[in-house]
Amino acid sequence: MLEDAIISIRRANEAAARRDHELFSRRRPVQLLDKWLSQVEALMEHDARVVPEPLTAEIASFLANLNPRLHRRLSRRGGLEAGQVLDVLFEAEEQFLPRVT
């Protein structure tokens, strides 16, 4: 009886851990996009018109997995102008917002 209770508690804990991991996995892309949006907006507020290459590369790498069309759009346009990067990030975020609850 005690062993059954321990097994039941263990299974409940494992199920809770799986749910937490799934929730984190669904929210992580939006958190990354929000972080990048903030960074690009901050650049624009400081009159920077170009997004630094390391940040653009990080975003492009993420977009390659998320949406190849957005990745191509970012790459095709040179990918460095802050306004263009911001537009692509907003479009990418729109894809995730309905999914995250």
PDB file of N, CA and C in Angstrom:
ATOM      1  N   MET A   1       0.822  -1.187   0.000  1.00  0.00           N
ATOM      2  CA  MET A   1       0.000   0.000   0.000  1.00  0.00           C
ATOM      3  C   MET A   1       0.875   1.264   0.000  1.00  0.00           C
ATOM      4  N   LEU A   2       1.869   1.316   0.855  1.00  0.00           N
ATOM      5  CA  LEU A   2       2.771   2.454   0.892  1.00  0.00           C
ATOM      6  C   LEU A   2       3.543   2.555  -0.423  1.00  0.00           C
ATOM      7  N   GLU A   3       3.948   1.414  -0.964  1.00  0.00           N
ATOM      8  CA  GLU A   3       4.671   1.419  -2.240  1.00  0.00           C
ATOM      9  C   GLU A   3       3.788   1.957  -3.362  1.00  0.00           C
ATOM     10  N   ASP A   4       2.500   1.606  -3.341  1.00  0.00           N
ATOM     11  CA  ASP A   4       1.564   2.116  -4.351  1.00  0.00           C
ATOM     12  C   ASP A   4       1.435   3.637  -4.246  1.00  0.00           C
ATOM     13  N   ALA A   5       1.389   4.141  -3.035  1.00  0.00           N
ATOM     14  CA  ALA A   5       1.285   5.583  -2.830  1.00  0.00           C
ATOM     15  C   ALA A   5       2.542   6.281  -3.332  1.00  0.00           C
ATOM     16  N   ILE A   6       3.695   5.695  -3.080  1.00  0.00           N
ATOM     17  CA  ILE A   6       4.968   6.280  -3.527  1.00  0.00           C
ATOM     18  C   ILE A   6       5.032   6.295  -5.051  1.00  0.00           C
ATOM     19  N   ILE A   7       4.612   5.193  -5.654  1.00  0.00           N
ATOM     20  CA  ILE A   7       4.601   5.114  -7.126  1.00  0.00           C
ATOM     21  C   ILE A   7       3.637   6.149  -7.701  1.00  0.00           C
ATOM     22  N   SER A   8       2.492   6.292  -7.077  1.00  0.00           N
ATOM     23  CA  SER A   8       1.493   7.267  -7.529  1.00  0.00           C
ATOM     24  C   SER A   8       2.035   8.691  -7.433  1.00  0.00           C
ATOM     25  N   ILE A   9       2.698   8.996  -6.339  1.00  0.00           N
ATOM     26  CA  ILE A   9       3.286  10.331  -6.157  1.00  0.00           C
ATOM     27  C   ILE A   9       4.383  10.564  -7.191  1.00  0.00           C
ATOM     28  N   ARG A  10       5.204   9.550  -7.414  1.00  0.00           N
ATOM     29  CA  ARG A  10       6.291   9.666  -8.390  1.00  0.00           C
ATOM     30  C   ARG A  10       5.718   9.934  -9.787  1.00  0.00           C
ATOM     31  N   ARG A  11       4.672   9.205 -10.172  1.00  0.00           N
ATOM     32  CA  ARG A  11       4.052   9.405 -11.489  1.00  0.00           C
ATOM     33  C   ARG A  11       3.445  10.801 -11.604  1.00  0.00           C
ATOM     34  N   ALA A  12       2.821  11.272 -10.546  1.00  0.00           N
ATOM     35  CA  ALA A  12       2.239  12.613 -10.558  1.00  0.00           C
ATOM     36  C   ALA A  12       3.329  13.672 -10.711  1.00  0.00           C
ATOM     37  N   ASN A  13       4.445  13.476 -10.020  1.00  0.00           N
ATOM     38  CA  ASN A  13       5.570  14.413 -10.136  1.00  0.00           C
ATOM     39  C   ASN A  13       6.158  14.399 -11.544  1.00  0.00           C
ATOM     40  N   GLU A  14       6.291  13.222 -12.126  1.00  0.00           N
ATOM     41  CA  GLU A  14       6.825  13.116 -13.484  1.00  0.00           C
ATOM     42  C   GLU A  14       5.881  13.777 -14.490  1.00  0.00           C
ATOM     43  N   ALA A  15       4.577  13.585 -14.311  1.00  0.00           N
ATOM     44  CA  ALA A  15       3.594  14.215 -15.198  1.00  0.00           C
ATOM     45  C   ALA A  15       3.655  15.733 -15.068  1.00  0.00           C
ATOM     46  N   ALA A  16       3.789  16.226 -13.858  1.00  0.00           N
ATOM     47  CA  ALA A  16       3.889  17.672 -13.634  1.00  0.00           C
ATOM     48  C   ALA A  16       5.165  18.222 -14.278  1.00  0.00           C
ATOM     49  N   ALA A  17       6.244  17.499 -14.172  1.00  0.00           N
ATOM     50  CA  ALA A  17       7.510  17.935 -14.778  1.00  0.00           C
ATOM     51  C   ALA A  17       7.381  17.976 -16.306  1.00  0.00           C
ATOM     52  N   ARG A  18       6.695  16.993 -16.882  1.00  0.00           N
ATOM     53  CA  ARG A  18       6.473  16.993 -18.333  1.00  0.00           C
ATOM     54  C   ARG A  18       5.627  18.188 -18.759  1.00  0.00           C
ATOM     55  N   ARG A  19       4.579  18.491 -18.001  1.00  0.00           N
ATOM     56  CA  ARG A  19       3.731  19.645 -18.320  1.00  0.00           C
ATOM     57  C   ARG A  19       4.523  20.947 -18.229  1.00  0.00           C
ATOM     58  N   ASP A  20       5.333  21.073 -17.190  1.00  0.00           N
ATOM     59  CA  ASP A  20       6.160  22.274 -17.035  1.00  0.00           C
ATOM     60  C   ASP A  20       7.127  22.423 -18.202  1.00  0.00           C
ATOM     61  N   HIS A  21       7.739  21.316 -18.598  1.00  0.00           N
ATOM     62  CA  HIS A  21       8.688  21.342 -19.711  1.00  0.00           C
ATOM     63  C   HIS A  21       7.989  21.728 -21.016  1.00  0.00           C
ATOM     64  N   GLU A  22       6.805  21.179 -21.254  1.00  0.00           N
ATOM     65  CA  GLU A  22       6.039  21.520 -22.458  1.00  0.00           C
ATOM     66  C   GLU A  22       5.672  23.000 -22.473  1.00  0.00           C
ATOM     67  N   LEU A  23       5.248  23.509 -21.345  1.00  0.00           N
ATOM     68  CA  LEU A  23       4.884  24.918 -21.251  1.00  0.00           C
ATOM     69  C   LEU A  23       6.100  25.803 -21.516  1.00  0.00           C
ATOM     70  N   PHE A  24       7.228  25.452 -20.912  1.00  0.00           N
ATOM     71  CA  PHE A  24       8.460  26.203 -21.130  1.00  0.00           C
ATOM     72  C   PHE A  24       8.854  26.145 -22.601  1.00  0.00           C
ATOM     73  N   SER A  25       8.743  24.976 -23.212  1.00  0.00           N
ATOM     74  CA  SER A  25       9.110  24.807 -24.615  1.00  0.00           C
ATOM     75  C   SER A  25       8.236  25.658 -25.527  1.00  0.00           C
ATOM     76  N   ARG A  26       6.956  25.779 -25.198  1.00  0.00           N
ATOM     77  CA  ARG A  26       6.051  26.594 -26.015  1.00  0.00           C
ATOM     78  C   ARG A  26       6.315  28.079 -25.813  1.00  0.00           C
ATOM     79  N   ARG A  27       6.695  28.478 -24.630  1.00  0.00           N
ATOM     80  CA  ARG A  27       6.904  29.907 -24.338  1.00  0.00           C
ATOM     81  C   ARG A  27       8.291  30.401 -24.733  1.00  0.00           C
ATOM     82  N   ARG A  28       9.256  29.522 -24.801  1.00  0.00           N
ATOM     83  CA  ARG A  28      10.631  29.929 -25.061  1.00  0.00           C
ATOM     84  C   ARG A  28      10.794  30.727 -26.359  1.00  0.00           C
ATOM     85  N   PRO A  29      10.197  30.299 -27.480  1.00  0.00           N
ATOM     86  CA  PRO A  29      10.366  31.099 -28.703  1.00  0.00           C
ATOM     87  C   PRO A  29       9.826  32.522 -28.558  1.00  0.00           C
ATOM     88  N   VAL A  30       8.711  32.686 -27.883  1.00  0.00           N
ATOM     89  CA  VAL A  30       8.147  34.028 -27.697  1.00  0.00           C
ATOM     90  C   VAL A  30       9.068  34.860 -26.810  1.00  0.00           C
ATOM     91  N   GLN A  31       9.647  34.236 -25.804  1.00  0.00           N
ATOM     92  CA  GLN A  31      10.576  34.958 -24.937  1.00  0.00           C
ATOM     93  C   GLN A  31      11.797  35.435 -25.729  1.00  0.00           C
ATOM     94  N   LEU A  32      12.313  34.573 -26.606  1.00  0.00           N
ATOM     95  CA  LEU A  32      13.446  34.970 -27.444  1.00  0.00           C
ATOM     96  C   LEU A  32      13.060  36.110 -28.375  1.00  0.00           C
ATOM     97  N   LEU A  33      11.909  35.984 -29.015  1.00  0.00           N
ATOM     98  CA  LEU A  33      11.460  37.036 -29.926  1.00  0.00           C
ATOM     99  C   LEU A  33      11.259  38.355 -29.190  1.00  0.00           C
ATOM    100  N   ASP A  34      10.681  38.303 -27.999  1.00  0.00           N
ATOM    101  CA  ASP A  34      10.505  39.522 -27.198  1.00  0.00           C
ATOM    102  C   ASP A  34      11.847  40.159 -26.857  1.00  0.00           C
ATOM    103  N   LYS A  35      12.810  39.329 -26.505  1.00  0.00           N
ATOM    104  CA  LYS A  35      14.141  39.843 -26.171  1.00  0.00           C
ATOM    105  C   LYS A  35      14.762  40.546 -27.380  1.00  0.00           C
ATOM    106  N   TRP A  36      14.659  39.911 -28.543  1.00  0.00           N
ATOM    107  CA  TRP A  36      15.236  40.507 -29.753  1.00  0.00           C
ATOM    108  C   TRP A  36      14.487  41.762 -30.171  1.00  0.00           C
ATOM    109  N   LEU A  37      13.163  41.754 -30.025  1.00  0.00           N
ATOM    110  CA  LEU A  37      12.389  42.952 -30.332  1.00  0.00           C
ATOM    111  C   LEU A  37      12.854  44.115 -29.461  1.00  0.00           C
ATOM    112  N   SER A  38      13.035  43.855 -28.188  1.00  0.00           N
ATOM    113  CA  SER A  38      13.499  44.906 -27.273  1.00  0.00           C
ATOM    114  C   SER A  38      14.874  45.416 -27.661  1.00  0.00           C
ATOM    115  N   GLN A  39      15.747  44.499 -28.043  1.00  0.00           N
ATOM    116  CA  GLN A  39      17.102  44.912 -28.425  1.00  0.00           C
ATOM    117  C   GLN A  39      17.090  45.789 -29.676  1.00  0.00           C
ATOM    118  N   VAL A  40      16.316  45.374 -30.674  1.00  0.00           N
ATOM    119  CA  VAL A  40      16.259  46.147 -31.917  1.00  0.00           C
ATOM    120  C   VAL A  40      15.575  47.495 -31.675  1.00  0.00           C
ATOM    121  N   GLU A  41      14.508  47.505 -30.872  1.00  0.00           N
ATOM    122  CA  GLU A  41      13.858  48.774 -30.547  1.00  0.00           C
ATOM    123  C   GLU A  41      14.816  49.709 -29.814  1.00  0.00           C
ATOM    124  N   ALA A  42      15.620  49.163 -28.918  1.00  0.00           N
ATOM    125  CA  ALA A  42      16.595  49.987 -28.200  1.00  0.00           C
ATOM    126  C   ALA A  42      17.625  50.570 -29.164  1.00  0.00           C
ATOM    127  N   LEU A  43      18.042  49.776 -30.131  1.00  0.00           N
ATOM    128  CA  LEU A  43      18.975  50.287 -31.143  1.00  0.00           C
ATOM    129  C   LEU A  43      18.355  51.457 -31.895  1.00  0.00           C
ATOM    130  N   MET A  44      17.089  51.298 -32.265  1.00  0.00           N
ATOM    131  CA  MET A  44      16.409  52.351 -33.010  1.00  0.00           C
ATOM    132  C   MET A  44      16.234  53.608 -32.167  1.00  0.00           C
ATOM    133  N   GLU A  45      15.965  53.438 -30.876  1.00  0.00           N
ATOM    134  CA  GLU A  45      15.830  54.594 -29.983  1.00  0.00           C
ATOM    135  C   GLU A  45      17.133  55.369 -29.869  1.00  0.00           C
ATOM    136  N   HIS A  46      18.253  54.666 -30.061  1.00  0.00           N
ATOM    137  CA  HIS A  46      19.562  55.317 -30.001  1.00  0.00           C
ATOM    138  C   HIS A  46      20.056  55.682 -31.398  1.00  0.00           C
ATOM    139  N   ASP A  47      19.109  55.761 -32.333  1.00  0.00           N
ATOM    140  CA  ASP A  47      19.377  56.179 -33.714  1.00  0.00           C
ATOM    141  C   ASP A  47      20.309  55.239 -34.469  1.00  0.00           C
ATOM    142  N   ALA A  48      20.399  54.012 -34.036  1.00  0.00           N
ATOM    143  CA  ALA A  48      21.165  53.028 -34.796  1.00  0.00           C
ATOM    144  C   ALA A  48      20.256  52.469 -35.883  1.00  0.00           C
ATOM    145  N   ARG A  49      20.701  52.531 -37.093  1.00  0.00           N
ATOM    146  CA  ARG A  49      19.877  52.068 -38.212  1.00  0.00           C
ATOM    147  C   ARG A  49      20.214  50.645 -38.627  1.00  0.00           C
ATOM    148  N   VAL A  50      21.315  50.156 -38.118  1.00  0.00           N
ATOM    149  CA  VAL A  50      21.793  48.834 -38.518  1.00  0.00           C
ATOM    150  C   VAL A  50      21.849  47.932 -37.297  1.00  0.00           C
ATOM    151  N   VAL A  51      21.368  46.702 -37.483  1.00  0.00           N
ATOM    152  CA  VAL A  51      21.435  45.697 -36.416  1.00  0.00           C
ATOM    153  C   VAL A  51      22.789  45.008 -36.521  1.00  0.00           C
ATOM    154  N   PRO A  52      23.532  44.895 -35.431  1.00  0.00           N
ATOM    155  CA  PRO A  52      24.843  44.248 -35.483  1.00  0.00           C
ATOM    156  C   PRO A  52      24.752  42.818 -36.023  1.00  0.00           C
ATOM    157  N   GLU A  53      25.765  42.435 -36.754  1.00  0.00           N
ATOM    158  CA  GLU A  53      25.784  41.116 -37.400  1.00  0.00           C
ATOM    159  C   GLU A  53      25.591  39.952 -36.424  1.00  0.00           C
ATOM    160  N   PRO A  54      26.211  39.953 -35.242  1.00  0.00           N
ATOM    161  CA  PRO A  54      25.990  38.816 -34.333  1.00  0.00           C
ATOM    162  C   PRO A  54      24.518  38.653 -33.937  1.00  0.00           C
ATOM    163  N   LEU A  55      23.823  39.760 -33.721  1.00  0.00           N
ATOM    164  CA  LEU A  55      22.407  39.684 -33.371  1.00  0.00           C
ATOM    165  C   LEU A  55      21.591  39.214 -34.575  1.00  0.00           C
ATOM    166  N   THR A  56      21.900  39.738 -35.745  1.00  0.00           N
ATOM    167  CA  THR A  56      21.199  39.312 -36.957  1.00  0.00           C
ATOM    168  C   THR A  56      21.417  37.827 -37.206  1.00  0.00           C
ATOM    169  N   ALA A  57      22.618  37.354 -37.000  1.00  0.00           N
ATOM    170  CA  ALA A  57      22.913  35.931 -37.206  1.00  0.00           C
ATOM    171  C   ALA A  57      22.138  35.056 -36.225  1.00  0.00           C
ATOM    172  N   GLU A  58      22.036  35.506 -34.984  1.00  0.00           N
ATOM    173  CA  GLU A  58      21.284  34.767 -33.969  1.00  0.00           C
ATOM    174  C   GLU A  58      19.804  34.682 -34.357  1.00  0.00           C
ATOM    175  N   ILE A  59      19.260  35.798 -34.794  1.00  0.00           N
ATOM    176  CA  ILE A  59      17.853  35.829 -35.209  1.00  0.00           C
ATOM    177  C   ILE A  59      17.650  34.958 -36.442  1.00  0.00           C
ATOM    178  N   ALA A  60      18.542  35.081 -37.405  1.00  0.00           N
ATOM    179  CA  ALA A  60      18.427  34.303 -38.645  1.00  0.00           C
ATOM    180  C   ALA A  60      18.494  32.808 -38.363  1.00  0.00           C
ATOM    181  N   SER A  61      19.353  32.409 -37.462  1.00  0.00           N
ATOM    182  CA  SER A  61      19.463  30.993 -37.106  1.00  0.00           C
ATOM    183  C   SER A  61      18.155  30.479 -36.519  1.00  0.00           C
ATOM    184  N   PHE A  62      17.547  31.269 -35.649  1.00  0.00           N
ATOM    185  CA  PHE A  62      16.270  30.898 -35.060  1.00  0.00           C
ATOM    186  C   PHE A  62      15.186  30.824 -36.134  1.00  0.00           C
ATOM    187  N   LEU A  63      15.146  31.814 -37.016  1.00  0.00           N
ATOM    188  CA  LEU A  63      14.118  31.859 -38.048  1.00  0.00           C
ATOM    189  C   LEU A  63      14.247  30.724 -39.054  1.00  0.00           C
ATOM    190  N   ALA A  64      15.454  30.257 -39.276  1.00  0.00           N
ATOM    191  CA  ALA A  64      15.645  29.140 -40.210  1.00  0.00           C
ATOM    192  C   ALA A  64      14.858  27.920 -39.752  1.00  0.00           C
ATOM    193  N   ASN A  65      14.783  27.724 -38.452  1.00  0.00           N
ATOM    194  CA  ASN A  65      14.026  26.599 -37.903  1.00  0.00           C
ATOM    195  C   ASN A  65      12.533  26.904 -37.792  1.00  0.00           C
ATOM    196  N   LEU A  66      12.207  28.141 -37.519  1.00  0.00           N
ATOM    197  CA  LEU A  66      10.815  28.543 -37.316  1.00  0.00           C
ATOM    198  C   LEU A  66      10.071  28.675 -38.634  1.00  0.00           C
ATOM    199  N   ASN A  67      10.618  29.473 -39.516  1.00  0.00           N
ATOM    200  CA  ASN A  67       9.913  29.805 -40.746  1.00  0.00           C
ATOM    201  C   ASN A  67      10.939  30.147 -41.828  1.00  0.00           C
ATOM    202  N   PRO A  68      11.208  29.197 -42.713  1.00  0.00           N
ATOM    203  CA  PRO A  68      12.202  29.458 -43.761  1.00  0.00           C
ATOM    204  C   PRO A  68      11.874  30.675 -44.627  1.00  0.00           C
ATOM    205  N   ARG A  69      10.585  30.981 -44.807  1.00  0.00           N
ATOM    206  CA  ARG A  69      10.190  32.145 -45.604  1.00  0.00           C
ATOM    207  C   ARG A  69      10.672  33.440 -44.929  1.00  0.00           C
ATOM    208  N   LEU A  70      10.470  33.534 -43.604  1.00  0.00           N
ATOM    209  CA  LEU A  70      10.950  34.718 -42.884  1.00  0.00           C
ATOM    210  C   LEU A  70      12.474  34.785 -42.890  1.00  0.00           C
ATOM    211  N   HIS A  71      13.096  33.639 -42.790  1.00  0.00           N
ATOM    212  CA  HIS A  71      14.560  33.585 -42.836  1.00  0.00           C
ATOM    213  C   HIS A  71      15.061  34.124 -44.172  1.00  0.00           C
ATOM    214  N   ARG A  72      14.440  33.682 -45.257  1.00  0.00           N
ATOM    215  CA  ARG A  72      14.837  34.168 -46.582  1.00  0.00           C
ATOM    216  C   ARG A  72      14.580  35.672 -46.706  1.00  0.00           C
ATOM    217  N   ARG A  73      13.447  36.117 -46.156  1.00  0.00           N
ATOM    218  CA  ARG A  73      13.116  37.542 -46.214  1.00  0.00           C
ATOM    219  C   ARG A  73      14.157  38.375 -45.473  1.00  0.00           C
ATOM    220  N   LEU A  74      14.568  37.900 -44.335  1.00  0.00           N
ATOM    221  CA  LEU A  74      15.591  38.611 -43.566  1.00  0.00           C
ATOM    222  C   LEU A  74      16.914  38.608 -44.324  1.00  0.00           C
ATOM    223  N   SER A  75      17.267  37.491 -44.897  1.00  0.00           N
ATOM    224  CA  SER A  75      18.538  37.366 -45.618  1.00  0.00           C
ATOM    225  C   SER A  75      18.516  38.137 -46.937  1.00  0.00           C
ATOM    226  N   ARG A  76      17.400  38.058 -47.643  1.00  0.00           N
ATOM    227  CA  ARG A  76      17.285  38.686 -48.956  1.00  0.00           C
ATOM    228  C   ARG A  76      17.412  40.198 -48.863  1.00  0.00           C
ATOM    229  N   ARG A  77      16.869  40.769 -47.846  1.00  0.00           N
ATOM    230  CA  ARG A  77      16.898  42.227 -47.694  1.00  0.00           C
ATOM    231  C   ARG A  77      18.190  42.717 -47.055  1.00  0.00           C
ATOM    232  N   GLY A  78      19.139  41.870 -46.961  1.00  0.00           N
ATOM    233  CA  GLY A  78      20.373  42.273 -46.317  1.00  0.00           C
ATOM    234  C   GLY A  78      20.324  41.992 -44.828  1.00  0.00           C
ATOM    235  N   GLY A  79      19.142  42.008 -44.265  1.00  0.00           N
ATOM    236  CA  GLY A  79      18.932  41.606 -42.890  1.00  0.00           C
ATOM    237  C   GLY A  79      19.506  42.509 -41.823  1.00  0.00           C
ATOM    238  N   LEU A  80      20.092  43.634 -42.222  1.00  0.00           N
ATOM    239  CA  LEU A  80      20.748  44.433 -41.203  1.00  0.00           C
ATOM    240  C   LEU A  80      20.003  45.710 -40.840  1.00  0.00           C
ATOM    241  N   GLU A  81      19.128  46.199 -41.686  1.00  0.00           N
ATOM    242  CA  GLU A  81      18.409  47.428 -41.378  1.00  0.00           C
ATOM    243  C   GLU A  81      17.437  47.169 -40.230  1.00  0.00           C
ATOM    244  N   ALA A  82      17.498  47.999 -39.222  1.00  0.00           N
ATOM    245  CA  ALA A  82      16.738  47.779 -37.987  1.00  0.00           C
ATOM    246  C   ALA A  82      15.232  47.683 -38.233  1.00  0.00           C
ATOM    247  N   GLY A  83      14.692  48.556 -39.052  1.00  0.00           N
ATOM    248  CA  GLY A  83      13.258  48.523 -39.326  1.00  0.00           C
ATOM    249  C   GLY A  83      12.816  47.226 -39.981  1.00  0.00           C
ATOM    250  N   GLN A  84      13.606  46.721 -40.895  1.00  0.00           N
ATOM    251  CA  GLN A  84      13.282  45.463 -41.568  1.00  0.00           C
ATOM    252  C   GLN A  84      13.370  44.290 -40.600  1.00  0.00           C
ATOM    253  N   VAL A  85      14.389  44.295 -39.771  1.00  0.00           N
ATOM    254  CA  VAL A  85      14.538  43.222 -38.780  1.00  0.00           C
ATOM    255  C   VAL A  85      13.357  43.255 -37.817  1.00  0.00           C
ATOM    256  N   LEU A  86      12.967  44.428 -37.408  1.00  0.00           N
ATOM    257  CA  LEU A  86      11.827  44.584 -36.498  1.00  0.00           C
ATOM    258  C   LEU A  86      10.546  44.030 -37.137  1.00  0.00           C
ATOM    259  N   ASP A  87      10.311  44.341 -38.401  1.00  0.00           N
ATOM    260  CA  ASP A  87       9.124  43.826 -39.098  1.00  0.00           C
ATOM    261  C   ASP A  87       9.112  42.298 -39.134  1.00  0.00           C
ATOM    262  N   VAL A  88      10.252  41.717 -39.429  1.00  0.00           N
ATOM    263  CA  VAL A  88      10.347  40.255 -39.483  1.00  0.00           C
ATOM    264  C   VAL A  88      10.098  39.653 -38.101  1.00  0.00           C
ATOM    265  N   LEU A  89      10.644  40.271 -37.067  1.00  0.00           N
ATOM    266  CA  LEU A  89      10.437  39.766 -35.708  1.00  0.00           C
ATOM    267  C   LEU A  89       8.967  39.842 -35.292  1.00  0.00           C
ATOM    268  N   PHE A  90       8.299  40.935 -35.634  1.00  0.00           N
ATOM    269  CA  PHE A  90       6.874  41.046 -35.309  1.00  0.00           C
ATOM    270  C   PHE A  90       6.067  39.973 -36.032  1.00  0.00           C
ATOM    271  N   GLU A  91       6.389  39.726 -37.279  1.00  0.00           N
ATOM    272  CA  GLU A  91       5.675  38.694 -38.032  1.00  0.00           C
ATOM    273  C   GLU A  91       5.937  37.310 -37.430  1.00  0.00           C
ATOM    274  N   ALA A  92       7.164  37.057 -37.025  1.00  0.00           N
ATOM    275  CA  ALA A  92       7.489  35.770 -36.402  1.00  0.00           C
ATOM    276  C   ALA A  92       6.729  35.607 -35.088  1.00  0.00           C
ATOM    277  N   GLU A  93       6.648  36.678 -34.317  1.00  0.00           N
ATOM    278  CA  GLU A  93       5.955  36.612 -33.039  1.00  0.00           C
ATOM    279  C   GLU A  93       4.465  36.320 -33.226  1.00  0.00           C
ATOM    280  N   GLU A  94       3.880  36.870 -34.268  1.00  0.00           N
ATOM    281  CA  GLU A  94       2.463  36.616 -34.552  1.00  0.00           C
ATOM    282  C   GLU A  94       2.177  35.131 -34.739  1.00  0.00           C
ATOM    283  N   GLN A  95       3.143  34.403 -35.241  1.00  0.00           N
ATOM    284  CA  GLN A  95       2.959  32.963 -35.453  1.00  0.00           C
ATOM    285  C   GLN A  95       2.866  32.200 -34.137  1.00  0.00           C
ATOM    286  N   PHE A  96       3.502  32.715 -33.111  1.00  0.00           N
ATOM    287  CA  PHE A  96       3.539  32.010 -31.836  1.00  0.00           C
ATOM    288  C   PHE A  96       2.469  32.451 -30.846  1.00  0.00           C
ATOM    289  N   LEU A  97       2.087  33.699 -30.889  1.00  0.00           N
ATOM    290  CA  LEU A  97       1.161  34.206 -29.879  1.00  0.00           C
ATOM    291  C   LEU A  97      -0.130  33.419 -29.750  1.00  0.00           C
ATOM    292  N   PRO A  98      -0.778  33.025 -30.838  1.00  0.00           N
ATOM    293  CA  PRO A  98      -2.014  32.235 -30.656  1.00  0.00           C
ATOM    294  C   PRO A  98      -1.781  30.876 -30.001  1.00  0.00           C
ATOM    295  N   ARG A  99      -0.571  30.320 -30.143  1.00  0.00           N
ATOM    296  CA  ARG A  99      -0.270  28.996 -29.601  1.00  0.00           C
ATOM    297  C   ARG A  99       0.040  29.012 -28.111  1.00  0.00           C
ATOM    298  N   VAL A 100       0.564  30.107 -27.622  1.00  0.00           N
ATOM    299  CA  VAL A 100       1.009  30.167 -26.228  1.00  0.00           C
ATOM    300  C   VAL A 100      -0.174  30.523 -25.330  1.00  0.00           C
ATOM    301  N   THR A 101      -0.433  29.663 -24.362  1.00  0.00           N
ATOM    302  CA  THR A 101      -1.513  29.930 -23.403  1.00  0.00           C
ATOM    303  C   THR A 101      -1.044  29.606 -22.010  1.00  0.00           C
TER     304      THR A 101
END
